[in-house]
PDB file of N, CA and C in Angstrom:
ATOM      1  N   MET A   1     -17.278   4.972   6.025  1.00  0.00           N
ATOM      2  CA  MET A   1     -15.946   5.536   5.959  1.00  0.00           C
ATOM      3  C   MET A   1     -15.057   4.936   7.039  1.00  0.00           C
ATOM      4  N   LEU A   2     -13.788   4.941   6.774  1.00  0.00           N
ATOM      5  CA  LEU A   2     -12.798   4.471   7.725  1.00  0.00           C
ATOM      6  C   LEU A   2     -12.768   5.430   8.910  1.00  0.00           C
ATOM      7  N   THR A   3     -12.925   4.903  10.112  1.00  0.00           N
ATOM      8  CA  THR A   3     -12.999   5.791  11.263  1.00  0.00           C
ATOM      9  C   THR A   3     -11.880   5.587  12.274  1.00  0.00           C
ATOM     10  N   THR A   4     -11.027   4.658  12.048  1.00  0.00           N
ATOM     11  CA  THR A   4      -9.976   4.374  13.019  1.00  0.00           C
ATOM     12  C   THR A   4      -8.964   5.519  13.114  1.00  0.00           C
ATOM     13  N   ALA A   5      -8.589   5.833  14.336  1.00  0.00           N
ATOM     14  CA  ALA A   5      -7.587   6.879  14.549  1.00  0.00           C
ATOM     15  C   ALA A   5      -6.179   6.318  14.373  1.00  0.00           C
ATOM     16  N   ARG A   6      -6.044   5.017  14.504  1.00  0.00           N
ATOM     17  CA  ARG A   6      -4.730   4.376  14.409  1.00  0.00           C
ATOM     18  C   ARG A   6      -4.379   4.105  12.950  1.00  0.00           C
ATOM     19  N   LYS A   7      -3.225   4.581  12.553  1.00  0.00           N
ATOM     20  CA  LYS A   7      -2.766   4.388  11.180  1.00  0.00           C
ATOM     21  C   LYS A   7      -2.515   2.898  10.927  1.00  0.00           C
ATOM     22  N   PRO A   8      -3.020   2.369   9.805  1.00  0.00           N
ATOM     23  CA  PRO A   8      -2.778   0.949   9.509  1.00  0.00           C
ATOM     24  C   PRO A   8      -1.313   0.707   9.139  1.00  0.00           C
ATOM     25  N   ALA A   9      -0.906  -0.532   9.267  1.00  0.00           N
ATOM     26  CA  ALA A   9       0.458  -0.896   8.868  1.00  0.00           C
ATOM     27  C   ALA A   9       0.618  -0.628   7.375  1.00  0.00           C
ATOM     28  N   SER A  10       1.731  -0.042   7.015  1.00  0.00           N
ATOM     29  CA  SER A  10       1.991   0.291   5.615  1.00  0.00           C
ATOM     30  C   SER A  10       2.592  -0.903   4.877  1.00  0.00           C
ATOM     31  N   VAL A  11       2.617  -0.781   3.567  1.00  0.00           N
ATOM     32  CA  VAL A  11       3.249  -1.810   2.739  1.00  0.00           C
ATOM     33  C   VAL A  11       4.694  -2.009   3.172  1.00  0.00           C
ATOM     34  N   GLY A  12       5.414  -0.900   3.375  1.00  0.00           N
ATOM     35  CA  GLY A  12       6.817  -0.992   3.780  1.00  0.00           C
ATOM     36  C   GLY A  12       6.996  -1.728   5.089  1.00  0.00           C
ATOM     37  N   GLU A  13       6.158  -1.410   6.078  1.00  0.00           N
ATOM     38  CA  GLU A  13       6.258  -2.081   7.378  1.00  0.00           C
ATOM     39  C   GLU A  13       6.001  -3.575   7.253  1.00  0.00           C
ATOM     40  N   ILE A  14       4.967  -3.951   6.525  1.00  0.00           N
ATOM     41  CA  ILE A  14       4.651  -5.366   6.358  1.00  0.00           C
ATOM     42  C   ILE A  14       5.728  -6.064   5.552  1.00  0.00           C
ATOM     43  N   LEU A  15       6.162  -5.426   4.487  1.00  0.00           N
ATOM     44  CA  LEU A  15       7.192  -6.017   3.643  1.00  0.00           C
ATOM     45  C   LEU A  15       8.459  -6.303   4.443  1.00  0.00           C
ATOM     46  N   VAL A  16       8.909  -5.330   5.223  1.00  0.00           N
ATOM     47  CA  VAL A  16      10.149  -5.496   5.991  1.00  0.00           C
ATOM     48  C   VAL A  16       9.936  -6.431   7.179  1.00  0.00           C
ATOM     49  N   GLU A  17       8.970  -6.085   8.049  1.00  0.00           N
ATOM     50  CA  GLU A  17       8.825  -6.790   9.331  1.00  0.00           C
ATOM     51  C   GLU A  17       8.227  -8.185   9.222  1.00  0.00           C
ATOM     52  N   GLU A  18       7.309  -8.377   8.280  1.00  0.00           N
ATOM     53  CA  GLU A  18       6.618  -9.662   8.180  1.00  0.00           C
ATOM     54  C   GLU A  18       7.167 -10.580   7.092  1.00  0.00           C
ATOM     55  N   CYS A  19       7.877 -10.010   6.145  1.00  0.00           N
ATOM     56  CA  CYS A  19       8.356 -10.817   5.018  1.00  0.00           C
ATOM     57  C   CYS A  19       9.879 -10.902   4.946  1.00  0.00           C
ATOM     58  N   MET A  20      10.541  -9.758   4.915  1.00  0.00           N
ATOM     59  CA  MET A  20      11.984  -9.767   4.700  1.00  0.00           C
ATOM     60  C   MET A  20      12.763 -10.221   5.930  1.00  0.00           C
ATOM     61  N   VAL A  21      12.465  -9.641   7.092  1.00  0.00           N
ATOM     62  CA  VAL A  21      13.225  -9.987   8.309  1.00  0.00           C
ATOM     63  C   VAL A  21      13.114 -11.476   8.639  1.00  0.00           C
ATOM     64  N   PRO A  22      11.897 -12.053   8.682  1.00  0.00           N
ATOM     65  CA  PRO A  22      11.816 -13.478   9.017  1.00  0.00           C
ATOM     66  C   PRO A  22      12.567 -14.390   8.047  1.00  0.00           C
ATOM     67  N   LEU A  23      12.659 -13.968   6.782  1.00  0.00           N
ATOM     68  CA  LEU A  23      13.358 -14.780   5.785  1.00  0.00           C
ATOM     69  C   LEU A  23      14.826 -14.403   5.638  1.00  0.00           C
ATOM     70  N   GLY A  24      15.257 -13.383   6.359  1.00  0.00           N
ATOM     71  CA  GLY A  24      16.638 -12.932   6.263  1.00  0.00           C
ATOM     72  C   GLY A  24      16.967 -12.321   4.915  1.00  0.00           C
ATOM     73  N   LEU A  25      15.972 -11.699   4.271  1.00  0.00           N
ATOM     74  CA  LEU A  25      16.172 -11.111   2.946  1.00  0.00           C
ATOM     75  C   LEU A  25      16.701  -9.690   3.032  1.00  0.00           C
ATOM     76  N   THR A  26      17.664  -9.385   2.219  1.00  0.00           N
ATOM     77  CA  THR A  26      18.114  -8.004   2.045  1.00  0.00           C
ATOM     78  C   THR A  26      17.291  -7.390   0.910  1.00  0.00           C
ATOM     79  N   GLN A  27      17.372  -6.075   0.791  1.00  0.00           N
ATOM     80  CA  GLN A  27      16.695  -5.423  -0.322  1.00  0.00           C
ATOM     81  C   GLN A  27      17.257  -5.914  -1.655  1.00  0.00           C
ATOM     82  N   THR A  28      18.541  -6.142  -1.698  1.00  0.00           N
ATOM     83  CA  THR A  28      19.176  -6.625  -2.924  1.00  0.00           C
ATOM     84  C   THR A  28      18.659  -8.008  -3.302  1.00  0.00           C
ATOM     85  N   ALA A  29      18.553  -8.886  -2.314  1.00  0.00           N
ATOM     86  CA  ALA A  29      18.062 -10.243  -2.575  1.00  0.00           C
ATOM     87  C   ALA A  29      16.600 -10.221  -3.013  1.00  0.00           C
ATOM     88  N   LEU A  30      15.795  -9.379  -2.364  1.00  0.00           N
ATOM     89  CA  LEU A  30      14.389  -9.288  -2.754  1.00  0.00           C
ATOM     90  C   LEU A  30      14.258  -8.715  -4.161  1.00  0.00           C
ATOM     91  N   ALA A  31      15.036  -7.705  -4.465  1.00  0.00           N
ATOM     92  CA  ALA A  31      14.999  -7.122  -5.812  1.00  0.00           C
ATOM     93  C   ALA A  31      15.336  -8.175  -6.868  1.00  0.00           C
ATOM     94  N   ALA A  32      16.336  -9.002  -6.581  1.00  0.00           N
ATOM     95  CA  ALA A  32      16.714 -10.066  -7.529  1.00  0.00           C
ATOM     96  C   ALA A  32      15.566 -11.055  -7.692  1.00  0.00           C
ATOM     97  N   ALA A  33      14.924 -11.433  -6.587  1.00  0.00           N
ATOM     98  CA  ALA A  33      13.806 -12.374  -6.654  1.00  0.00           C
ATOM     99  C   ALA A  33      12.621 -11.777  -7.417  1.00  0.00           C
ATOM    100  N   MET A  34      12.412 -10.467  -7.259  1.00  0.00           N
ATOM    101  CA  MET A  34      11.303  -9.793  -7.930  1.00  0.00           C
ATOM    102  C   MET A  34      11.613  -9.447  -9.381  1.00  0.00           C
ATOM    103  N   GLY A  35      12.895  -9.402  -9.728  1.00  0.00           N
ATOM    104  CA  GLY A  35      13.283  -9.009 -11.078  1.00  0.00           C
ATOM    105  C   GLY A  35      13.132  -7.513 -11.319  1.00  0.00           C
ATOM    106  N   VAL A  36      13.385  -6.732 -10.249  1.00  0.00           N
ATOM    107  CA  VAL A  36      13.277  -5.272 -10.337  1.00  0.00           C
ATOM    108  C   VAL A  36      14.562  -4.652  -9.808  1.00  0.00           C
ATOM    109  N   PRO A  37      14.794  -3.369 -10.099  1.00  0.00           N
ATOM    110  CA  PRO A  37      15.969  -2.704  -9.531  1.00  0.00           C
ATOM    111  C   PRO A  37      15.856  -2.600  -7.996  1.00  0.00           C
ATOM    112  N   ARG A  38      16.980  -2.585  -7.318  1.00  0.00           N
ATOM    113  CA  ARG A  38      16.991  -2.469  -5.862  1.00  0.00           C
ATOM    114  C   ARG A  38      16.301  -1.190  -5.408  1.00  0.00           C
ATOM    115  N   LYS A  39      16.420  -0.134  -6.191  1.00  0.00           N
ATOM    116  CA  LYS A  39      15.774   1.135  -5.861  1.00  0.00           C
ATOM    117  C   LYS A  39      14.259   0.956  -5.719  1.00  0.00           C
ATOM    118  N   HIS A  40      13.671   0.125  -6.547  1.00  0.00           N
ATOM    119  CA  HIS A  40      12.231  -0.158  -6.495  1.00  0.00           C
ATOM    120  C   HIS A  40      11.873  -0.745  -5.124  1.00  0.00           C
ATOM    121  N   VAL A  41      12.640  -1.725  -4.682  1.00  0.00           N
ATOM    122  CA  VAL A  41      12.399  -2.362  -3.381  1.00  0.00           C
ATOM    123  C   VAL A  41      12.645  -1.361  -2.255  1.00  0.00           C
ATOM    124  N   ASN A  42      13.712  -0.584  -2.354  1.00  0.00           N
ATOM    125  CA  ASN A  42      14.010   0.414  -1.333  1.00  0.00           C
ATOM    126  C   ASN A  42      12.858   1.397  -1.185  1.00  0.00           C
ATOM    127  N   GLU A  43      12.309   1.839  -2.303  1.00  0.00           N
ATOM    128  CA  GLU A  43      11.191   2.781  -2.251  1.00  0.00           C
ATOM    129  C   GLU A  43       9.942   2.146  -1.653  1.00  0.00           C
ATOM    130  N   LEU A  44       9.699   0.870  -1.934  1.00  0.00           N
ATOM    131  CA  LEU A  44       8.575   0.160  -1.302  1.00  0.00           C
ATOM    132  C   LEU A  44       8.794   0.052   0.207  1.00  0.00           C
ATOM    133  N   CYS A  45       9.996  -0.321   0.607  1.00  0.00           N
ATOM    134  CA  CYS A  45      10.317  -0.503   2.033  1.00  0.00           C
ATOM    135  C   CYS A  45      10.174   0.791   2.821  1.00  0.00           C
ATOM    136  N   HIS A  46      10.440   1.916   2.180  1.00  0.00           N
ATOM    137  CA  HIS A  46      10.384   3.213   2.854  1.00  0.00           C
ATOM    138  C   HIS A  46       9.117   3.999   2.517  1.00  0.00           C
ATOM    139  N   ASN A  47       8.136   3.306   1.942  1.00  0.00           N
ATOM    140  CA  ASN A  47       6.831   3.901   1.623  1.00  0.00           C
ATOM    141  C   ASN A  47       6.937   5.126   0.713  1.00  0.00           C
ATOM    142  N   ARG A  48       7.898   5.092  -0.187  1.00  0.00           N
ATOM    143  CA  ARG A  48       8.032   6.164  -1.174  1.00  0.00           C
ATOM    144  C   ARG A  48       7.501   5.725  -2.539  1.00  0.00           C
ATOM    145  N   ARG A  49       7.003   4.496  -2.605  1.00  0.00           N
ATOM    146  CA  ARG A  49       6.425   3.946  -3.835  1.00  0.00           C
ATOM    147  C   ARG A  49       5.177   3.179  -3.426  1.00  0.00           C
ATOM    148  N   SER A  50       4.105   3.401  -4.159  1.00  0.00           N
ATOM    149  CA  SER A  50       2.863   2.677  -3.898  1.00  0.00           C
ATOM    150  C   SER A  50       2.875   1.341  -4.625  1.00  0.00           C
ATOM    151  N   VAL A  51       2.108   0.404  -4.096  1.00  0.00           N
ATOM    152  CA  VAL A  51       1.965  -0.892  -4.750  1.00  0.00           C
ATOM    153  C   VAL A  51       0.956  -0.756  -5.884  1.00  0.00           C
ATOM    154  N   THR A  52       1.397  -1.082  -7.085  1.00  0.00           N
ATOM    155  CA  THR A  52       0.528  -1.109  -8.257  1.00  0.00           C
ATOM    156  C   THR A  52       0.076  -2.548  -8.474  1.00  0.00           C
ATOM    157  N   ALA A  53      -0.855  -2.746  -9.378  1.00  0.00           N
ATOM    158  CA  ALA A  53      -1.317  -4.106  -9.668  1.00  0.00           C
ATOM    159  C   ALA A  53      -0.161  -5.017 -10.114  1.00  0.00           C
ATOM    160  N   PRO A  54       0.707  -4.572 -11.040  1.00  0.00           N
ATOM    161  CA  PRO A  54       1.826  -5.451 -11.426  1.00  0.00           C
ATOM    162  C   PRO A  54       2.764  -5.771 -10.257  1.00  0.00           C
ATOM    163  N   THR A  55       3.055  -4.765  -9.418  1.00  0.00           N
ATOM    164  CA  THR A  55       3.920  -5.015  -8.261  1.00  0.00           C
ATOM    165  C   THR A  55       3.250  -5.969  -7.290  1.00  0.00           C
ATOM    166  N   ALA A  56       1.946  -5.827  -7.095  1.00  0.00           N
ATOM    167  CA  ALA A  56       1.209  -6.735  -6.209  1.00  0.00           C
ATOM    168  C   ALA A  56       1.293  -8.169  -6.731  1.00  0.00           C
ATOM    169  N   LEU A  57       1.184  -8.341  -8.027  1.00  0.00           N
ATOM    170  CA  LEU A  57       1.284  -9.688  -8.611  1.00  0.00           C
ATOM    171  C   LEU A  57       2.681 -10.268  -8.419  1.00  0.00           C
ATOM    172  N   ILE A  58       3.698  -9.426  -8.555  1.00  0.00           N
ATOM    173  CA  ILE A  58       5.084  -9.881  -8.359  1.00  0.00           C
ATOM    174  C   ILE A  58       5.298 -10.261  -6.894  1.00  0.00           C
ATOM    175  N   LEU A  59       4.881  -9.396  -5.965  1.00  0.00           N
ATOM    176  CA  LEU A  59       5.048  -9.699  -4.540  1.00  0.00           C
ATOM    177  C   LEU A  59       4.302 -10.976  -4.160  1.00  0.00           C
ATOM    178  N   ALA A  60       3.114 -11.154  -4.704  1.00  0.00           N
ATOM    179  CA  ALA A  60       2.337 -12.365  -4.423  1.00  0.00           C
ATOM    180  C   ALA A  60       3.074 -13.613  -4.910  1.00  0.00           C
ATOM    181  N   ARG A  61       3.669 -13.514  -6.069  1.00  0.00           N
ATOM    182  CA  ARG A  61       4.413 -14.668  -6.615  1.00  0.00           C
ATOM    183  C   ARG A  61       5.649 -14.966  -5.765  1.00  0.00           C
ATOM    184  N   VAL A  62       6.358 -13.925  -5.360  1.00  0.00           N
ATOM    185  CA  VAL A  62       7.583 -14.101  -4.566  1.00  0.00           C
ATOM    186  C   VAL A  62       7.273 -14.674  -3.185  1.00  0.00           C
ATOM    187  N   PHE A  63       6.232 -14.138  -2.525  1.00  0.00           N
ATOM    188  CA  PHE A  63       5.958 -14.542  -1.144  1.00  0.00           C
ATOM    189  C   PHE A  63       4.867 -15.598  -1.000  1.00  0.00           C
ATOM    190  N   GLY A  64       4.250 -15.989  -2.101  1.00  0.00           N
ATOM    191  CA  GLY A  64       3.259 -17.052  -2.043  1.00  0.00           C
ATOM    192  C   GLY A  64       1.939 -16.642  -1.408  1.00  0.00           C
ATOM    193  N   ASN A  65       1.624 -15.360  -1.469  1.00  0.00           N
ATOM    194  CA  ASN A  65       0.314 -14.928  -0.988  1.00  0.00           C
ATOM    195  C   ASN A  65      -0.453 -14.374  -2.183  1.00  0.00           C
ATOM    196  N   SER A  66      -1.406 -13.469  -1.963  1.00  0.00           N
ATOM    197  CA  SER A  66      -2.219 -12.985  -3.075  1.00  0.00           C
ATOM    198  C   SER A  66      -1.924 -11.530  -3.414  1.00  0.00           C
ATOM    199  N   ALA A  67      -2.185 -11.176  -4.656  1.00  0.00           N
ATOM    200  CA  ALA A  67      -2.066  -9.784  -5.077  1.00  0.00           C
ATOM    201  C   ALA A  67      -3.076  -8.934  -4.317  1.00  0.00           C
ATOM    202  N   ASP A  68      -4.248  -9.499  -4.039  1.00  0.00           N
ATOM    203  CA  ASP A  68      -5.264  -8.772  -3.271  1.00  0.00           C
ATOM    204  C   ASP A  68      -4.741  -8.360  -1.903  1.00  0.00           C
ATOM    205  N   PHE A  69      -3.947  -9.210  -1.279  1.00  0.00           N
ATOM    206  CA  PHE A  69      -3.380  -8.872   0.029  1.00  0.00           C
ATOM    207  C   PHE A  69      -2.595  -7.565  -0.077  1.00  0.00           C
ATOM    208  N   TRP A  70      -1.678  -7.487  -1.037  1.00  0.00           N
ATOM    209  CA  TRP A  70      -0.820  -6.306  -1.177  1.00  0.00           C
ATOM    210  C   TRP A  70      -1.616  -5.076  -1.583  1.00  0.00           C
ATOM    211  N   LEU A  71      -2.577  -5.246  -2.479  1.00  0.00           N
ATOM    212  CA  LEU A  71      -3.408  -4.114  -2.897  1.00  0.00           C
ATOM    213  C   LEU A  71      -4.288  -3.617  -1.751  1.00  0.00           C
ATOM    214  N   ASN A  72      -4.774  -4.530  -0.919  1.00  0.00           N
ATOM    215  CA  ASN A  72      -5.591  -4.120   0.227  1.00  0.00           C
ATOM    216  C   ASN A  72      -4.772  -3.366   1.264  1.00  0.00           C
ATOM    217  N   VAL A  73      -3.530  -3.770   1.469  1.00  0.00           N
ATOM    218  CA  VAL A  73      -2.659  -3.026   2.388  1.00  0.00           C
ATOM    219  C   VAL A  73      -2.484  -1.605   1.862  1.00  0.00           C
ATOM    220  N   GLN A  74      -2.229  -1.471   0.568  1.00  0.00           N
ATOM    221  CA  GLN A  74      -2.067  -0.151  -0.037  1.00  0.00           C
ATOM    222  C   GLN A  74      -3.355   0.658   0.069  1.00  0.00           C
ATOM    223  N   ARG A  75      -4.478   0.006  -0.201  1.00  0.00           N
ATOM    224  CA  ARG A  75      -5.777   0.687  -0.168  1.00  0.00           C
ATOM    225  C   ARG A  75      -6.086   1.211   1.225  1.00  0.00           C
ATOM    226  N   ARG A  76      -5.856   0.391   2.252  1.00  0.00           N
ATOM    227  CA  ARG A  76      -6.106   0.840   3.632  1.00  0.00           C
ATOM    228  C   ARG A  76      -5.249   2.043   3.982  1.00  0.00           C
ATOM    229  N   THR A  77      -3.992   2.018   3.583  1.00  0.00           N
ATOM    230  CA  THR A  77      -3.097   3.147   3.845  1.00  0.00           C
ATOM    231  C   THR A  77      -3.560   4.394   3.102  1.00  0.00           C
ATOM    232  N   ASP A  78      -3.915   4.245   1.839  1.00  0.00           N
ATOM    233  CA  ASP A  78      -4.368   5.390   1.039  1.00  0.00           C
ATOM    234  C   ASP A  78      -5.625   6.014   1.634  1.00  0.00           C
ATOM    235  N   LEU A  79      -6.579   5.176   2.041  1.00  0.00           N
ATOM    236  CA  LEU A  79      -7.813   5.695   2.643  1.00  0.00           C
ATOM    237  C   LEU A  79      -7.527   6.422   3.950  1.00  0.00           C
ATOM    238  N   TRP A  80      -6.687   5.825   4.781  1.00  0.00           N
ATOM    239  CA  TRP A  80      -6.366   6.452   6.067  1.00  0.00           C
ATOM    240  C   TRP A  80      -5.701   7.808   5.841  1.00  0.00           C
ATOM    241  N   LEU A  81      -4.748   7.861   4.918  1.00  0.00           N
ATOM    242  CA  LEU A  81      -4.054   9.122   4.638  1.00  0.00           C
ATOM    243  C   LEU A  81      -5.016  10.180   4.113  1.00  0.00           C
ATOM    244  N   ALA A  82      -5.939   9.787   3.245  1.00  0.00           N
ATOM    245  CA  ALA A  82      -6.907  10.744   2.705  1.00  0.00           C
ATOM    246  C   ALA A  82      -7.820  11.278   3.803  1.00  0.00           C
ATOM    247  N   LEU A  83      -8.242  10.407   4.700  1.00  0.00           N
ATOM    248  CA  LEU A  83      -9.146  10.833   5.769  1.00  0.00           C
ATOM    249  C   LEU A  83      -8.448  11.640   6.854  1.00  0.00           C
ATOM    250  N   HIS A  84      -7.148  11.545   6.940  1.00  0.00           N
ATOM    251  CA  HIS A  84      -6.405  12.260   7.982  1.00  0.00           C
ATOM    252  C   HIS A  84      -5.593  13.437   7.451  1.00  0.00           C
ATOM    253  N   SER A  85      -5.767  13.761   6.182  1.00  0.00           N
ATOM    254  CA  SER A  85      -5.125  14.920   5.584  1.00  0.00           C
ATOM    255  C   SER A  85      -6.135  16.063   5.583  1.00  0.00           C
ATOM    256  N   PRO A  86      -5.822  17.189   6.205  1.00  0.00           N
ATOM    257  CA  PRO A  86      -6.765  18.310   6.213  1.00  0.00           C
ATOM    258  C   PRO A  86      -7.169  18.755   4.804  1.00  0.00           C
ATOM    259  N   GLU A  87      -6.229  18.766   3.862  1.00  0.00           N
ATOM    260  CA  GLU A  87      -6.534  19.185   2.502  1.00  0.00           C
ATOM    261  C   GLU A  87      -7.490  18.208   1.829  1.00  0.00           C
ATOM    262  N   GLU A  88      -7.191  16.929   1.952  1.00  0.00           N
ATOM    263  CA  GLU A  88      -8.062  15.918   1.338  1.00  0.00           C
ATOM    264  C   GLU A  88      -9.418  15.887   2.017  1.00  0.00           C
ATOM    265  N   ARG A  89      -9.428  16.022   3.337  1.00  0.00           N
ATOM    266  CA  ARG A  89     -10.683  16.023   4.079  1.00  0.00           C
ATOM    267  C   ARG A  89     -11.583  17.163   3.613  1.00  0.00           C
ATOM    268  N   ALA A  90     -11.003  18.341   3.379  1.00  0.00           N
ATOM    269  CA  ALA A  90     -11.776  19.481   2.889  1.00  0.00           C
ATOM    270  C   ALA A  90     -12.362  19.185   1.504  1.00  0.00           C
ATOM    271  N   ARG A  91     -11.575  18.564   0.641  1.00  0.00           N
ATOM    272  CA  ARG A  91     -12.068  18.201  -0.692  1.00  0.00           C
ATOM    273  C   ARG A  91     -13.210  17.204  -0.595  1.00  0.00           C
ATOM    274  N   ILE A  92     -13.055  16.221   0.285  1.00  0.00           N
ATOM    275  CA  ILE A  92     -14.088  15.188   0.463  1.00  0.00           C
ATOM    276  C   ILE A  92     -15.385  15.817   0.964  1.00  0.00           C
ATOM    277  N   GLU A  93     -15.267  16.715   1.935  1.00  0.00           N
ATOM    278  CA  GLU A  93     -16.448  17.320   2.547  1.00  0.00           C
ATOM    279  C   GLU A  93     -17.160  18.296   1.616  1.00  0.00           C
ATOM    280  N   ARG A  94     -16.470  18.794   0.593  1.00  0.00           N
ATOM    281  CA  ARG A  94     -17.121  19.668  -0.397  1.00  0.00           C
ATOM    282  C   ARG A  94     -18.054  18.882  -1.314  1.00  0.00           C
ATOM    283  N   ALA A  95     -17.800  17.606  -1.467  1.00  0.00           N
ATOM    284  CA  ALA A  95     -18.621  16.781  -2.355  1.00  0.00           C
ATOM    285  C   ALA A  95     -20.022  16.612  -1.767  1.00  0.00           C
ATOM    286  N   ARG A  96     -21.019  16.643  -2.627  1.00  0.00           N
ATOM    287  CA  ARG A  96     -22.417  16.501  -2.202  1.00  0.00           C
ATOM    288  C   ARG A  96     -23.040  15.311  -2.912  1.00  0.00           C
ATOM    289  N   PRO A  97     -23.771  14.489  -2.175  1.00  0.00           N
ATOM    290  CA  PRO A  97     -24.451  13.346  -2.823  1.00  0.00           C
ATOM    291  C   PRO A  97     -25.456  13.831  -3.865  1.00  0.00           C
ATOM    292  N   LEU A  98     -25.602  13.090  -4.928  1.00  0.00           N
ATOM    293  CA  LEU A  98     -26.581  13.408  -5.949  1.00  0.00           C
ATOM    294  C   LEU A  98     -27.970  13.012  -5.447  1.00  0.00           C
ATOM    295  N   SER A  99     -28.947  13.805  -5.783  1.00  0.00           N
ATOM    296  CA  SER A  99     -30.315  13.423  -5.445  1.00  0.00           C
ATOM    297  C   SER A  99     -30.743  12.337  -6.413  1.00  0.00           C
ATOM    298  N   PRO A 100     -31.712  11.492  -6.030  1.00  0.00           N
ATOM    299  CA  PRO A 100     -32.152  10.407  -6.939  1.00  0.00           C
ATOM    300  C   PRO A 100     -32.603  10.925  -8.306  1.00  0.00           C
ATOM    301  N   ALA A 101     -33.209  12.125  -8.348  1.00  0.00           N
ATOM    302  CA  ALA A 101     -33.670  12.683  -9.618  1.00  0.00           C
ATOM    303  C   ALA A 101     -32.512  13.094 -10.520  1.00  0.00           C
ATOM    304  N   ALA A 102     -31.368  13.480  -9.906  1.00  0.00           N
ATOM    305  CA  ALA A 102     -30.218  13.939 -10.693  1.00  0.00           C
ATOM    306  C   ALA A 102     -29.426  12.775 -11.273  1.00  0.00           C
ATOM    307  N   ALA A 103     -29.570  11.595 -10.720  1.00  0.00           N
ATOM    308  CA  ALA A 103     -28.792  10.441 -11.157  1.00  0.00           C
ATOM    309  C   ALA A 103     -29.343   9.805 -12.352  1.00  0.00           C
TER     310      ALA A 103
END
């Protein structure tokens, strides 16, 4: 299980700080390059939208990296949030491993 106390960088943080700022991209310009509404980019930048497989493929094409990169950033954030949410943690801890005979 993920044990780090430090929250990983989110998709929005990486998108803005590592991709958009160095290239001087506005949300409008990125939306045009991605072929999506500006609202879509705004929601990604502010972590109000998760990266899906199609969005990861689009971001990879626009920035010349891989879809796996974007999906892994999302996955790390999702895991960290689940492990640091009291409600989710309680749900996780209720689960019991199956015995070999039950599988």
